[in-house]
Protein backbone atom coordinates (compact mmCIF):
# COMPACT_ATOMS: atom_id res chain seq x y z
CA MET A 1 0.49 6.27 -4.31
CA ASN A 2 -1.36 3.86 -6.57
CA VAL A 3 0.89 2.05 -8.99
CA HIS A 4 -1.05 0.68 -11.91
CA PHE A 5 0.31 -1.66 -14.51
CA GLN A 6 -2.04 -3.24 -16.94
CA ASN A 7 -1.65 -6.40 -18.92
CA MET A 8 -1.96 -5.25 -22.51
CA THR A 9 -2.53 -8.73 -23.96
CA LEU A 10 -5.83 -9.02 -25.76
CA VAL A 11 -8.22 -11.61 -24.38
CA ARG A 12 -9.05 -14.20 -27.03
CA SER A 13 -12.72 -14.68 -27.83
CA SER A 14 -12.72 -18.17 -26.30
CA GLU A 15 -11.30 -16.69 -23.08
CA ARG A 16 -13.77 -13.83 -23.18
CA GLU A 17 -16.59 -16.35 -22.91
CA LYS A 18 -15.20 -17.56 -19.60
CA ARG A 19 -16.26 -15.80 -16.44
CA VAL A 20 -13.94 -13.02 -15.31
CA GLN A 21 -12.92 -13.28 -11.66
CA VAL A 22 -11.62 -10.45 -9.52
CA LEU A 23 -9.01 -11.76 -7.10
CA VAL A 24 -7.65 -9.64 -4.25
CA PHE A 25 -4.46 -10.34 -2.30
CA LYS A 26 -2.48 -8.92 0.59
CA THR A 27 1.17 -8.55 -0.45
CA ASN A 28 4.49 -7.06 0.56
CA LEU A 29 4.86 -5.21 -2.75
CA GLN A 30 5.82 -1.98 -0.99
CA PHE A 31 7.90 -0.19 -3.59
CA ARG A 32 7.58 0.70 -7.24
CA LYS A 33 10.64 -1.45 -8.01
CA ASP A 34 8.87 -4.49 -6.53
CA VAL A 35 5.93 -3.96 -8.85
CA GLN A 36 8.24 -3.36 -11.81
CA LEU A 37 10.01 -6.68 -11.13
CA LEU A 38 6.71 -8.56 -10.92
CA ALA A 39 5.10 -6.82 -13.91
CA PRO A 40 6.69 -8.94 -16.68
CA ILE A 41 5.65 -12.12 -14.90
CA LEU A 42 2.02 -11.09 -14.44
CA ASN A 43 1.84 -9.60 -17.92
CA ALA A 44 3.07 -12.89 -19.40
CA THR A 45 0.53 -14.98 -17.48
CA ARG A 46 -2.17 -16.14 -19.85
CA GLY A 47 -5.68 -15.27 -18.73
CA ILE A 48 -4.84 -12.20 -16.66
CA ILE A 49 -6.78 -9.30 -18.14
CA ARG A 50 -5.54 -6.49 -15.90
CA TRP A 51 -3.99 -5.99 -12.51
CA ASN A 52 -2.82 -3.28 -10.15
CA VAL A 53 -1.22 -2.75 -6.75
CA ASP A 54 -2.63 -0.23 -4.27
CA HIS A 55 0.26 1.17 -2.23
CA ASP A 56 -2.11 3.49 -0.35
CA ASP A 57 -3.65 0.45 1.32
CA ILE A 58 -1.86 -0.94 4.38
CA ASP A 59 -2.04 -4.43 2.80
CA ASN A 60 -0.43 -3.34 -0.50
CA VAL A 61 -3.41 -4.91 -2.24
CA LEU A 62 -2.83 -6.74 -5.50
CA ARG A 63 -6.07 -6.82 -7.50
CA ILE A 64 -6.24 -9.10 -10.52
CA GLU A 65 -8.97 -9.53 -13.11
CA THR A 66 -8.54 -12.95 -14.66
CA VAL A 67 -10.33 -15.64 -16.63
CA GLN A 68 -7.89 -18.45 -16.02
CA PRO A 69 -5.36 -18.51 -13.19
CA GLY A 70 -7.03 -19.15 -9.86
CA VAL A 71 -6.12 -18.04 -6.36
CA GLU A 72 -3.55 -20.78 -5.77
CA ASP A 73 -1.90 -20.10 -9.13
CA ILE A 74 -1.52 -16.38 -8.41
CA ILE A 75 -0.14 -17.04 -4.92
CA ARG A 76 2.38 -19.47 -6.40
CA ILE A 77 3.41 -17.00 -9.12
CA VAL A 78 3.93 -14.12 -6.67
CA THR A 79 5.68 -16.20 -4.00
CA ASN A 80 7.96 -17.82 -6.60
CA ALA A 81 8.99 -14.28 -7.54
CA GLY A 82 10.06 -13.79 -3.90
CA TYR A 83 7.09 -11.87 -2.48
CA PHE A 84 4.44 -12.54 0.14
CA CYS A 85 0.93 -13.10 -1.21
CA GLU A 86 -2.22 -14.07 0.67
CA GLU A 87 -5.82 -13.99 -0.53
CA LEU A 88 -7.99 -11.37 1.18
CA PRO A 89 -11.48 -12.53 2.16
CA ASP A 90 -14.53 -10.93 0.56
């Protein structure tokens, strides 16, 4: 089951000029309720364009398209919310 939440915040033109990064993480976001608890935090994070969690993947992959927060920032945000988060290599 893919659970997909999308940040609905518009990207400002100055942010649009920045390079969009796609960051991919292994997580322990196993259940819909986990994603629902994390959604307001990710949606409120400036620079995140869209994100989703793939529950069909064994690593419960969190994929984030962002112009601002980097890998360390995302890991800190997710772990501060009480979840495991580790960057997956390319």
